[in-house]
Every structure is written in structure tokens, then in C-alpha cells.
C-alpha atoms as a PDB file:
ATOM      1  CA  MET A   1      -0.376  -0.046  -0.321  1.00  0.00           C
ATOM      2  CA  ASN A   2       1.516   3.228  -0.964  1.00  0.00           C
ATOM      3  CA  LEU A   3       1.246   5.907   1.295  1.00  0.00           C
ATOM      4  CA  ARG A   4       1.203   9.676   0.572  1.00  0.00           C
ATOM      5  CA  THR A   5       2.909  12.377   3.167  1.00  0.00           C
ATOM      6  CA  THR A   6       1.689  16.020   2.617  1.00  0.00           C
ATOM      7  CA  VAL A   7       3.745  18.745   3.414  1.00  0.00           C
ATOM      8  CA  PRO A   8       2.104  21.800   4.505  1.00  0.00           C
ATOM      9  CA  GLN A   9       2.319  24.576   1.843  1.00  0.00           C
ATOM     10  CA  SER A  10       3.046  27.190   4.600  1.00  0.00           C
ATOM     11  CA  ARG A  11       6.328  25.033   5.503  1.00  0.00           C
ATOM     12  CA  VAL A  12       7.204  24.431   1.969  1.00  0.00           C
ATOM     13  CA  LEU A  13       7.088  28.303   1.879  1.00  0.00           C
ATOM     14  CA  ALA A  14       9.000  29.186   4.984  1.00  0.00           C
ATOM     15  CA  GLY A  15      11.818  26.790   3.747  1.00  0.00           C
ATOM     16  CA  PHE A  16      11.985  28.553  -0.127  1.00  0.00           C
ATOM     17  CA  GLU A  17      12.616  31.932   1.812  1.00  0.00           C
ATOM     18  CA  ARG A  18      14.848  30.593   4.187  1.00  0.00           C
ATOM     19  CA  ASN A  19      17.143  29.278   1.597  1.00  0.00           C
ATOM     20  CA  LEU A  20      16.243  32.308  -0.429  1.00  0.00           C
ATOM     21  CA  HIS A  21      17.789  34.406   2.835  1.00  0.00           C
ATOM     22  CA  GLN A  22      21.083  32.449   3.149  1.00  0.00           C
ATOM     23  CA  VAL A  23      21.337  33.127  -1.022  1.00  0.00           C
ATOM     24  CA  ARG A  24      20.975  37.023  -0.250  1.00  0.00           C
ATOM     25  CA  GLU A  25      23.385  37.170   2.317  1.00  0.00           C
ATOM     26  CA  SER A  26      25.977  34.877   0.351  1.00  0.00           C
ATOM     27  CA  SER A  27      25.667  37.272  -2.430  1.00  0.00           C
ATOM     28  CA  ILE A  28      26.100  40.168  -0.036  1.00  0.00           C
ATOM     29  CA  ILE A  29      29.328  38.671   1.569  1.00  0.00           C
ATOM     30  CA  ALA A  30      30.746  37.813  -1.822  1.00  0.00           C
ATOM     31  CA  VAL A  31      30.174  41.045  -3.343  1.00  0.00           C
ATOM     32  CA  VAL A  32      31.682  42.738  -0.243  1.00  0.00           C
ATOM     33  CA  VAL A  33      34.799  40.271  -0.176  1.00  0.00           C
ATOM     34  CA  LEU A  34      35.355  41.435  -3.566  1.00  0.00           C
ATOM     35  CA  ALA A  35      34.682  44.906  -3.110  1.00  0.00           C
ATOM     36  CA  ILE A  36      37.864  45.240  -0.074  1.00  0.00           C
ATOM     37  CA  ALA A  37      39.697  43.102  -2.304  1.00  0.00           C
ATOM     38  CA  MET A  38      39.411  45.895  -5.265  1.00  0.00           C
ATOM     39  CA  VAL A  39      39.891  48.093  -2.714  1.00  0.00           C
ATOM     40  CA  LYS A  40      43.451  46.739  -1.545  1.00  0.00           C
ATOM     41  CA  ALA A  41      44.629  46.238  -5.281  1.00  0.00           C
ATOM     42  CA  ALA A  42      43.816  49.363  -5.788  1.00  0.00           C
ATOM     43  CA  HIS A  43      46.077  50.806  -2.655  1.00  0.00           C
ATOM     44  CA  SER A  44      48.873  48.045  -3.265  1.00  0.00           C
ATOM     45  CA  ASN A  45      52.258  48.864  -4.535  1.00  0.00           C
ATOM     46  CA  PRO A  46      54.420  45.780  -5.582  1.00  0.00           C
ATOM     47  CA  MET A  47      57.542  47.415  -4.449  1.00  0.00           C
ATOM     48  CA  LEU A  48      56.188  47.752  -0.966  1.00  0.00           C
ATOM     49  CA  ASP A  49      54.224  44.209  -0.564  1.00  0.00           C
ATOM     50  CA  THR A  50      58.152  42.874  -1.925  1.00  0.00           C
ATOM     51  CA  LEU A  51      59.591  44.901   0.977  1.00  0.00           C
ATOM     52  CA  ILE A  52      57.718  44.093   3.746  1.00  0.00           C
ATOM     53  CA  SER A  53      57.686  39.920   2.424  1.00  0.00           C
ATOM     54  CA  SER A  54      61.552  40.381   2.832  1.00  0.00           C
ATOM     55  CA  TYR A  55      61.802  41.536   6.186  1.00  0.00           C
ATOM     56  CA  PRO A  56      59.339  39.796   8.131  1.00  0.00           C
ATOM     57  CA  ASP A  57      60.771  40.222  11.354  1.00  0.00           C
ATOM     58  CA  GLN A  58      60.865  43.986  11.064  1.00  0.00           C
ATOM     59  CA  LEU A  59      58.204  45.092   9.059  1.00  0.00           C
ATOM     60  CA  ALA A  60      54.384  45.157   9.837  1.00  0.00           C
ATOM     61  CA  GLY A  61      53.184  46.745   6.630  1.00  0.00           C
ATOM     62  CA  TYR A  62      52.038  50.083   5.188  1.00  0.00           C
ATOM     63  CA  GLU A  63      49.319  52.213   4.670  1.00  0.00           C
ATOM     64  CA  ASN A  64      48.521  56.079   3.707  1.00  0.00           C
ATOM     65  CA  GLY A  65      52.429  56.374   2.485  1.00  0.00           C
ATOM     66  CA  TYR A  66      53.734  55.036   5.535  1.00  0.00           C
ATOM     67  CA  LEU A  67      56.153  51.980   5.924  1.00  0.00           C
ATOM     68  CA  LEU A  68      55.053  50.118   9.305  1.00  0.00           C
ATOM     69  CA  TRP A  69      57.491  48.792  11.445  1.00  0.00           C
ATOM     70  CA  LYS A  70      57.137  45.655  14.101  1.00  0.00           C
ATOM     71  CA  ASP A  71      57.993  48.353  16.686  1.00  0.00           C
ATOM     72  CA  GLY A  72      54.840  51.146  15.578  1.00  0.00           C
ATOM     73  CA  THR A  73      57.481  52.944  13.817  1.00  0.00           C
ATOM     74  CA  ARG A  74      56.331  55.014  10.564  1.00  0.00           C
ATOM     75  CA  MET A  75      58.367  56.032   8.309  1.00  0.00           C
ATOM     76  CA  PRO A  76      57.270  57.579   4.819  1.00  0.00           C
ATOM     77  CA  VAL A  77      57.828  55.439   1.464  1.00  0.00           C
ATOM     78  CA  SER A  78      57.744  58.525  -0.924  1.00  0.00           C
ATOM     79  CA  ASP A  79      59.445  62.155  -1.177  1.00  0.00           C
ATOM     80  CA  GLU A  80      56.692  62.656  -4.015  1.00  0.00           C
ATOM     81  CA  ARG A  81      59.640  63.550  -6.066  1.00  0.00           C
ATOM     82  CA  ARG A  82      59.764  61.203  -9.090  1.00  0.00           C
ATOM     83  CA  GLU A  83      62.224  62.741 -11.874  1.00  0.00           C
ATOM     84  CA  LYS A  84      65.773  62.913  -9.872  1.00  0.00           C
ATOM     85  CA  THR A  85      68.846  62.921 -10.851  1.00  0.00           C
ATOM     86  CA  PHE A  86      71.301  59.783 -10.563  1.00  0.00           C
ATOM     87  CA  GLU A  87      73.263  61.573  -7.824  1.00  0.00           C
ATOM     88  CA  GLU A  88      70.196  62.658  -6.416  1.00  0.00           C
ATOM     89  CA  LEU A  89      68.739  59.181  -5.875  1.00  0.00           C
ATOM     90  CA  LEU A  90      72.102  58.274  -4.711  1.00  0.00           C
ATOM     91  CA  LYS A  91      72.388  61.332  -2.422  1.00  0.00           C
ATOM     92  CA  ALA A  92      69.056  61.395  -0.936  1.00  0.00           C
ATOM     93  CA  PRO A  93      66.710  57.961  -2.011  1.00  0.00           C
ATOM     94  CA  ASP A  94      63.364  57.813  -0.731  1.00  0.00           C
ATOM     95  CA  ILE A  95      62.252  54.341   0.318  1.00  0.00           C
ATOM     96  CA  LEU A  96      60.882  53.312  -2.906  1.00  0.00           C
ATOM     97  CA  ASP A  97      63.945  54.799  -4.857  1.00  0.00           C
ATOM     98  CA  GLN A  98      65.451  51.646  -4.057  1.00  0.00           C
ATOM     99  CA  PHE A  99      63.528  49.830  -6.456  1.00  0.00           C
ATOM    100  CA  ALA A 100      64.193  52.376  -9.035  1.00  0.00           C
ATOM    101  CA  ILE A 101      66.869  50.296 -11.454  1.00  0.00           C
ATOM    102  CA  ARG A 102      66.242  46.707 -12.449  1.00  0.00           C
ATOM    103  CA  TYR A 103      68.605  44.456 -11.509  1.00  0.00           C
ATOM    104  CA  PRO A 104      68.944  41.537 -13.683  1.00  0.00           C
ATOM    105  CA  LEU A 105      69.374  38.093 -11.573  1.00  0.00           C
ATOM    106  CA  GLY A 106      71.375  35.109 -12.892  1.00  0.00           C
ATOM    107  CA  THR A 107      74.005  35.477 -15.927  1.00  0.00           C
ATOM    108  CA  PRO A 108      74.796  39.128 -16.732  1.00  0.00           C
ATOM    109  CA  THR A 109      73.997  39.028 -20.970  1.00  0.00           C
ATOM    110  CA  THR A 110      75.255  42.641 -21.072  1.00  0.00           C
ATOM    111  CA  ILE A 111      77.972  44.907 -19.668  1.00  0.00           C
ATOM    112  CA  PRO A 112      75.922  47.467 -17.098  1.00  0.00           C
ATOM    113  CA  ARG A 113      74.747  50.600 -19.057  1.00  0.00           C
ATOM    114  CA  VAL A 114      75.898  54.083 -17.531  1.00  0.00           C
ATOM    115  CA  ASN A 115      74.985  54.992 -14.293  1.00  0.00           C
ATOM    116  CA  GLU A 116      72.928  51.599 -13.952  1.00  0.00           C
ATOM    117  CA  ASP A 117      73.555  50.507 -10.405  1.00  0.00           C
ATOM    118  CA  PRO A 118      70.466  48.036  -9.010  1.00  0.00           C
ATOM    119  CA  GLY A 119      70.562  48.240  -5.372  1.00  0.00           C
ATOM    120  CA  ARG A 120      73.526  50.665  -5.111  1.00  0.00           C
ATOM    121  CA  ILE A 121      70.275  53.182  -4.256  1.00  0.00           C
ATOM    122  CA  ARG A 122      69.961  52.894  -0.623  1.00  0.00           C
ATOM    123  CA  ASN A 123      67.877  54.592   2.008  1.00  0.00           C
ATOM    124  CA  GLU A 124      69.924  55.332   4.761  1.00  0.00           C
ATOM    125  CA  ALA A 125      67.277  55.770   7.739  1.00  0.00           C
ATOM    126  CA  PHE A 126      65.721  52.602   6.267  1.00  0.00           C
ATOM    127  CA  PHE A 127      69.144  50.426   6.454  1.00  0.00           C
ATOM    128  CA  ARG A 128      69.917  52.517  10.018  1.00  0.00           C
ATOM    129  CA  LYS A 129      66.286  51.531  11.469  1.00  0.00           C
ATOM    130  CA  MET A 130      66.824  48.000  10.125  1.00  0.00           C
ATOM    131  CA  TYR A 131      70.648  47.133  11.781  1.00  0.00           C
ATOM    132  CA  GLY A 132      71.696  50.136  13.872  1.00  0.00           C
ATOM    133  CA  ASP A 133      73.893  52.748  13.773  1.00  0.00           C
ATOM    134  CA  CYS A 134      77.233  51.906  14.196  1.00  0.00           C
ATOM    135  CA  GLU A 135      79.125  54.505  15.641  1.00  0.00           C
ATOM    136  CA  LYS A 136      76.843  54.531  18.347  1.00  0.00           C
ATOM    137  CA  GLY A 137      77.669  50.968  18.743  1.00  0.00           C
ATOM    138  CA  GLU A 138      74.393  49.652  17.623  1.00  0.00           C
ATOM    139  CA  VAL A 139      75.485  47.515  15.300  1.00  0.00           C
ATOM    140  CA  ALA A 140      78.105  46.004  17.339  1.00  0.00           C
ATOM    141  CA  ARG A 141      75.933  44.177  19.478  1.00  0.00           C
ATOM    142  CA  GLN A 142      74.351  42.319  16.894  1.00  0.00           C
ATOM    143  CA  LEU A 143      77.375  41.313  15.167  1.00  0.00           C
ATOM    144  CA  SER A 144      78.017  37.142  15.279  1.00  0.00           C
ATOM    145  CA  PRO A 145      80.579  35.677  13.743  1.00  0.00           C
ATOM    146  CA  VAL A 146      80.836  32.999  10.650  1.00  0.00           C
ATOM    147  CA  PRO A 147      83.723  30.515   9.616  1.00  0.00           C
ATOM    148  CA  TRP A 148      84.683  31.308   6.269  1.00  0.00           C
ATOM    149  CA  LEU A 149      85.278  28.744   4.207  1.00  0.00           C
ATOM    150  CA  PRO A 150      87.236  27.498   6.980  1.00  0.00           C
ATOM    151  CA  ASN A 151      88.264  24.339   4.930  1.00  0.00           C
ATOM    152  CA  ARG A 152      90.708  26.534   2.649  1.00  0.00           C
ATOM    153  CA  GLY A 153      92.283  29.003   5.848  1.00  0.00           C
ATOM    154  CA  GLY A 154      89.561  31.410   5.363  1.00  0.00           C
ATOM    155  CA  GLY A 155      89.235  32.450   8.734  1.00  0.00           C
ATOM    156  CA  THR A 156      85.995  34.252  10.880  1.00  0.00           C
ATOM    157  CA  VAL A 157      84.325  37.458   9.117  1.00  0.00           C
ATOM    158  CA  LEU A 158      82.095  39.304  11.495  1.00  0.00           C
ATOM    159  CA  VAL A 159      78.438  40.000   9.994  1.00  0.00           C
ATOM    160  CA  THR A 160      74.923  40.984  11.328  1.00  0.00           C
ATOM    161  CA  ALA A 161      72.904  38.374  12.946  1.00  0.00           C
ATOM    162  CA  VAL A 162      69.897  40.828  12.054  1.00  0.00           C
ATOM    163  CA  ASN A 163      67.000  39.123   9.762  1.00  0.00           C
ATOM    164  CA  GLY A 164      69.459  36.083   9.671  1.00  0.00           C
ATOM    165  CA  VAL A 165      72.698  37.153   7.463  1.00  0.00           C
ATOM    166  CA  ALA A 166      75.277  35.301   9.634  1.00  0.00           C
ATOM    167  CA  GLU A 167      72.894  32.210   9.114  1.00  0.00           C
ATOM    168  CA  LYS A 168      72.808  32.997   5.038  1.00  0.00           C
ATOM    169  CA  LEU A 169      76.616  33.795   4.950  1.00  0.00           C
ATOM    170  CA  ALA A 170      77.406  30.751   6.810  1.00  0.00           C
ATOM    171  CA  ALA A 171      75.238  28.666   4.225  1.00  0.00           C
ATOM    172  CA  ILE A 172      77.598  30.732   1.378  1.00  0.00           C
ATOM    173  CA  SER A 173      80.464  30.081   2.499  1.00  0.00           C
ATOM    174  CA  ARG A 174      79.744  25.791   2.674  1.00  0.00           C
ATOM    175  CA  GLU A 175      78.110  26.009  -0.481  1.00  0.00           C
ATOM    176  CA  LEU A 176      81.798  27.996  -2.119  1.00  0.00           C
ATOM    177  CA  SER A 177      83.612  25.124  -0.278  1.00  0.00           C
ATOM    178  CA  GLN A 178      82.034  22.614  -2.785  1.00  0.00           C
ATOM    179  CA  LEU A 179      83.572  24.512  -5.559  1.00  0.00           C
ATOM    180  CA  PRO A 180      86.873  23.218  -7.447  1.00  0.00           C
ATOM    181  CA  SER A 181      89.588  24.177  -5.457  1.00  0.00           C
ATOM    182  CA  LYS A 182      90.563  26.780  -8.492  1.00  0.00           C
ATOM    183  CA  PHE A 183      87.897  29.116  -7.043  1.00  0.00           C
ATOM    184  CA  SER A 184      89.568  29.336  -3.826  1.00  0.00           C
ATOM    185  CA  ARG A 185      92.105  32.245  -4.553  1.00  0.00           C
ATOM    186  CA  TYR A 186      89.018  34.635  -5.200  1.00  0.00           C
ATOM    187  CA  LEU A 187      87.340  33.975  -2.133  1.00  0.00           C
ATOM    188  CA  VAL A 188      90.565  33.412   0.656  1.00  0.00           C
ATOM    189  CA  PRO A 189      91.376  35.504   1.876  1.00  0.00           C
ATOM    190  CA  SER A 190      88.145  37.700   2.131  1.00  0.00           C
ATOM    191  CA  GLU A 191      88.394  41.383   2.435  1.00  0.00           C
ATOM    192  CA  GLY A 192      86.049  41.169   5.395  1.00  0.00           C
ATOM    193  CA  ALA A 193      82.670  42.150   6.695  1.00  0.00           C
ATOM    194  CA  TYR A 194      81.779  44.440   9.188  1.00  0.00           C
ATOM    195  CA  ASN A 195      83.678  47.728   8.926  1.00  0.00           C
ATOM    196  CA  CYS A 196      82.133  51.009  10.598  1.00  0.00           C
ATOM    197  CA  ARG A 197      83.037  52.983   7.424  1.00  0.00           C
ATOM    198  CA  VAL A 198      81.518  54.814   4.693  1.00  0.00           C
ATOM    199  CA  ILE A 199      81.580  54.546   1.192  1.00  0.00           C
ATOM    200  CA  ALA A 200      84.470  55.535  -0.891  1.00  0.00           C
ATOM    201  CA  ASP A 201      84.196  59.169  -1.888  1.00  0.00           C
ATOM    202  CA  THR A 202      80.845  60.104   0.152  1.00  0.00           C
ATOM    203  CA  ASN A 203      79.715  60.349   3.645  1.00  0.00           C
ATOM    204  CA  ARG A 204      77.026  57.736   2.829  1.00  0.00           C
ATOM    205  CA  PRO A 205      77.395  54.621   5.259  1.00  0.00           C
ATOM    206  CA  SER A 206      78.655  51.441   3.860  1.00  0.00           C
ATOM    207  CA  MET A 207      76.451  48.278   4.111  1.00  0.00           C
ATOM    208  CA  HIS A 208      79.647  46.757   5.807  1.00  0.00           C
ATOM    209  CA  ALA A 209      78.612  49.701   8.571  1.00  0.00           C
ATOM    210  CA  PHE A 210      75.841  47.525   9.177  1.00  0.00           C
ATOM    211  CA  GLY A 211      77.408  44.466   8.876  1.00  0.00           C
ATOM    212  CA  ALA A 212      75.861  42.705   5.923  1.00  0.00           C
ATOM    213  CA  ALA A 213      78.030  42.931   3.515  1.00  0.00           C
ATOM    214  CA  ILE A 214      81.381  41.069   2.478  1.00  0.00           C
ATOM    215  CA  ASP A 215      84.583  41.806   0.276  1.00  0.00           C
ATOM    216  CA  LEU A 216      86.143  39.051  -1.382  1.00  0.00           C
ATOM    217  CA  ASN A 217      89.848  38.731  -2.528  1.00  0.00           C
ATOM    218  CA  SER A 218      91.060  42.445  -3.489  1.00  0.00           C
ATOM    219  CA  ARG A 219      93.380  40.802  -5.282  1.00  0.00           C
ATOM    220  CA  PHE A 220      91.094  39.655  -7.699  1.00  0.00           C
ATOM    221  CA  GLY A 221      88.465  42.530  -7.484  1.00  0.00           C
ATOM    222  CA  ASP A 222      87.539  45.592  -9.705  1.00  0.00           C
ATOM    223  CA  TYR A 223      86.484  48.436  -8.374  1.00  0.00           C
ATOM    224  CA  TRP A 224      85.753  51.600 -10.789  1.00  0.00           C
ATOM    225  CA  LEU A 225      87.266  54.165  -8.626  1.00  0.00           C
ATOM    226  CA  TRP A 226      90.855  52.506  -9.850  1.00  0.00           C
ATOM    227  CA  THR A 227      91.014  52.657 -12.887  1.00  0.00           C
ATOM    228  CA  LYS A 228      88.742  56.306 -13.494  1.00  0.00           C
ATOM    229  CA  SER A 229      90.931  58.452 -15.707  1.00  0.00           C
ATOM    230  CA  ARG A 230      91.246  62.082 -14.343  1.00  0.00           C
ATOM    231  CA  GLU A 231      88.723  62.838 -16.919  1.00  0.00           C
ATOM    232  CA  GLY A 232      86.529  60.631 -15.244  1.00  0.00           C
ATOM    233  CA  LYS A 233      86.266  58.088 -17.806  1.00  0.00           C
ATOM    234  CA  PHE A 234      86.683  54.215 -16.770  1.00  0.00           C
ATOM    235  CA  ASP A 235      85.614  50.555 -18.435  1.00  0.00           C
ATOM    236  CA  TRP A 236      83.858  47.715 -16.312  1.00  0.00           C
ATOM    237  CA  LYS A 237      86.064  44.687 -15.849  1.00  0.00           C
ATOM    238  CA  ASN A 238      85.264  41.536 -13.934  1.00  0.00           C
ATOM    239  CA  ARG A 239      87.197  38.852 -12.753  1.00  0.00           C
ATOM    240  CA  ILE A 240      85.151  37.231 -10.388  1.00  0.00           C
ATOM    241  CA  PRO A 241      83.951  33.919 -11.667  1.00  0.00           C
ATOM    242  CA  LEU A 242      79.790  33.606 -12.389  1.00  0.00           C
ATOM    243  CA  GLU A 243      79.534  30.369 -10.665  1.00  0.00           C
ATOM    244  CA  ILE A 244      80.631  32.101  -7.159  1.00  0.00           C
ATOM    245  CA  VAL A 245      78.006  35.254  -8.318  1.00  0.00           C
ATOM    246  CA  ASP A 246      75.442  32.535  -8.527  1.00  0.00           C
ATOM    247  CA  VAL A 247      76.063  30.842  -4.894  1.00  0.00           C
ATOM    248  CA  PHE A 248      75.282  34.263  -3.181  1.00  0.00           C
ATOM    249  CA  GLU A 249      72.555  35.370  -5.632  1.00  0.00           C
ATOM    250  CA  ARG A 250      71.103  32.263  -3.947  1.00  0.00           C
ATOM    251  CA  HIS A 251      70.985  33.483  -0.855  1.00  0.00           C
ATOM    252  CA  GLN A 252      69.627  36.922  -1.474  1.00  0.00           C
ATOM    253  CA  PHE A 253      72.798  38.980  -2.014  1.00  0.00           C
ATOM    254  CA  ILE A 254      73.146  41.467  -4.651  1.00  0.00           C
ATOM    255  CA  TRP A 255      76.575  41.771  -6.714  1.00  0.00           C
ATOM    256  CA  GLY A 256      78.268  44.615  -7.263  1.00  0.00           C
ATOM    257  CA  GLY A 257      79.616  43.346 -10.757  1.00  0.00           C
ATOM    258  CA  LYS A 258      76.261  44.073 -12.033  1.00  0.00           C
ATOM    259  CA  TRP A 259      76.786  47.931 -11.360  1.00  0.00           C
ATOM    260  CA  PHE A 260      77.872  50.091 -13.732  1.00  0.00           C
ATOM    261  CA  HIS A 261      79.994  51.655 -11.233  1.00  0.00           C
ATOM    262  CA  TYR A 262      81.116  48.023 -10.163  1.00  0.00           C
ATOM    263  CA  ASP A 263      82.708  46.960  -7.350  1.00  0.00           C
ATOM    264  CA  THR A 264      83.112  43.363  -8.278  1.00  0.00           C
ATOM    265  CA  MET A 265      84.345  41.802  -4.988  1.00  0.00           C
ATOM    266  CA  HIS A 266      81.291  43.483  -3.239  1.00  0.00           C
ATOM    267  CA  PHE A 267      77.974  41.116  -1.888  1.00  0.00           C
ATOM    268  CA  GLU A 268      75.645  42.525  -0.110  1.00  0.00           C
ATOM    269  CA  TYR A 269      72.348  41.020   1.707  1.00  0.00           C
ATOM    270  CA  ARG A 270      69.077  42.575  -0.101  1.00  0.00           C
ATOM    271  CA  PRO A 271      66.330  40.178   0.160  1.00  0.00           C
ATOM    272  CA  GLU A 272      64.175  42.883  -1.426  1.00  0.00           C
ATOM    273  CA  ILE A 273      66.218  43.324  -4.681  1.00  0.00           C
ATOM    274  CA  ILE A 274      66.559  39.352  -5.276  1.00  0.00           C
ATOM    275  CA  ALA A 275      62.471  39.089  -4.862  1.00  0.00           C
ATOM    276  CA  HIS A 276      61.462  41.295  -7.333  1.00  0.00           C
ATOM    277  CA  ALA A 277      63.986  40.777  -9.806  1.00  0.00           C
ATOM    278  CA  LYS A 278      62.907  37.023  -9.397  1.00  0.00           C
ATOM    279  CA  LYS A 279      58.946  38.576  -9.952  1.00  0.00           C
ATOM    280  CA  GLY A 280      59.837  40.475 -13.593  1.00  0.00           C
ATOM    281  CA  TRP A 281      60.262  43.849 -11.356  1.00  0.00           C
ATOM    282  CA  PRO A 282      56.966  45.565 -11.195  1.00  0.00           C
ATOM    283  CA  GLU A 283      56.935  48.353 -11.367  1.00  0.00           C
ATOM    284  CA  ARG A 284      55.835  51.430  -8.642  1.00  0.00           C
ATOM    285  CA  PRO A 285      51.985  52.661  -9.527  1.00  0.00           C
END
């Protein structure tokens, strides 16, 4: 015998209205989420996104033209001056200016063009906040000794422990130790890492002053100031093997040999430059 159950029409209508209400709520939520995402995209900056992700222990985010540090410090990211000369970029860059010149990751295909110095533009306030002021002893308190190719008599170098730089340089040392012995002469002895000094012929602090750079054997290094003529001319040159450069770049160190004002023995920790290069170097909005 077949039994038929009749559902009251009022219950059917109530269920329909309840489902319709849920669909409407879901649609509203989806629209709101999409709107928020669109607003964020409109106000996002690919360079600042790279900067934040590159220094996660230090930086919290950015808003309304300010970089937000995790200790509450707010730092302006731009001075609103877009058309700067190369000298102005070197002497007084804002934070975004540090991304003004694209870094050519990997094997170079051409020599750098005039004033093409990617990563050489540094905002002093940013790095002083990050690593400290060496003249006040703030950098020295955070230095860590790193064995430099100990199997080849490289001794020990001092670099900052901030941002894990010491750990990364130790990893670089281990990888370089695996290269054939013919590379040793470029690596040992090194010219050291931490050095509380300014860049030659300037009053700007070197990345060595922050304990975030190392120079290899100067006997095989080339530096533009060493070859500059009285007329101010110089030709790019390099003797550092690219196998060495590749190891450093894998650990987020940029190479001074990719600068027009070359410094081929010089490597400095700049994770934001390496990361942005991997992204294809998206420009500022």
C-alpha cells in the first residue's frame, strides 16, 4: 500500500524563504569581499609588498604612504619627487627609489649601461633603523662570527645576526667550499665584512657599516674608482667567476659586479632586490 505524505504549503514557503535569505546573504558577503579585494588592489604597491615579505621580522605593513615597522615606527615611503637625477637618487633616495633600477638576476648578458647601479641606491634611514648605527655601537652588539671557508683557511668574518644574515652567509660559505679548488684564490682571503665606515669619496654609510656585506679577495676584485681616469672615464671589468655570484644570489645577496660603477668583490644582503627581480620587477603605480 502506498502512503502519501502531504507537506503543508506554509512549511514549503518558509523553507523557500529561508534558502532565499541564505543565498542573498552569501551574495552580499561575496560582493563585500570582492569590493575589499578591489580596494586593496587599487592601493597596493608591488615594491612595498616585496619589501614587507623580504623583512618579515622587522616590517608589519604599509598604509597611507607610510611603512609600518613592528615596533610601531612609521616611515614615509616617498618624498613625492619622481624625476630625480642619478646623483640625487644616490645621495637622497626615498624608500621606493631603492627599486628605481632593475637588477638583472642570473648570468649577465650585457655589461651595465651608464649609471645602471641596481641596489646601489639605499635609503640610509631605512637601513639604520633595520641594523642600527655603527657609530653608536648598535651594530656591534648584534654581530655574529661566521667561519669563512674554514677548509681553505678563510678564517672568520663578522656579520650582523639581524634578518638571519649570519646564517645565510654561513650557508654561502658551505656551498662555496664545495666548488673546485681553482675558485679558492677569489674567495680567500676575504677583505672582511663588518666595517664601520662610509663609502669611498662619500659621506654615506657602506653596507659594511651595517654588517650586511662582504668583500672577497681584492687581488682579483675590480673597482671603478681604481681605474677611473683623470677625465672621469672608466671601463667595466670583472674577474670574479659567475659560479661564485650564483651562490650568493641564491642566498639573497646582490653583486656589485652588476653595477656600472662596479665593485666586483662586493656582495651585500638585499633580499628585496632579489625577490623583486624574481617577480619580473613590477613598477611603482
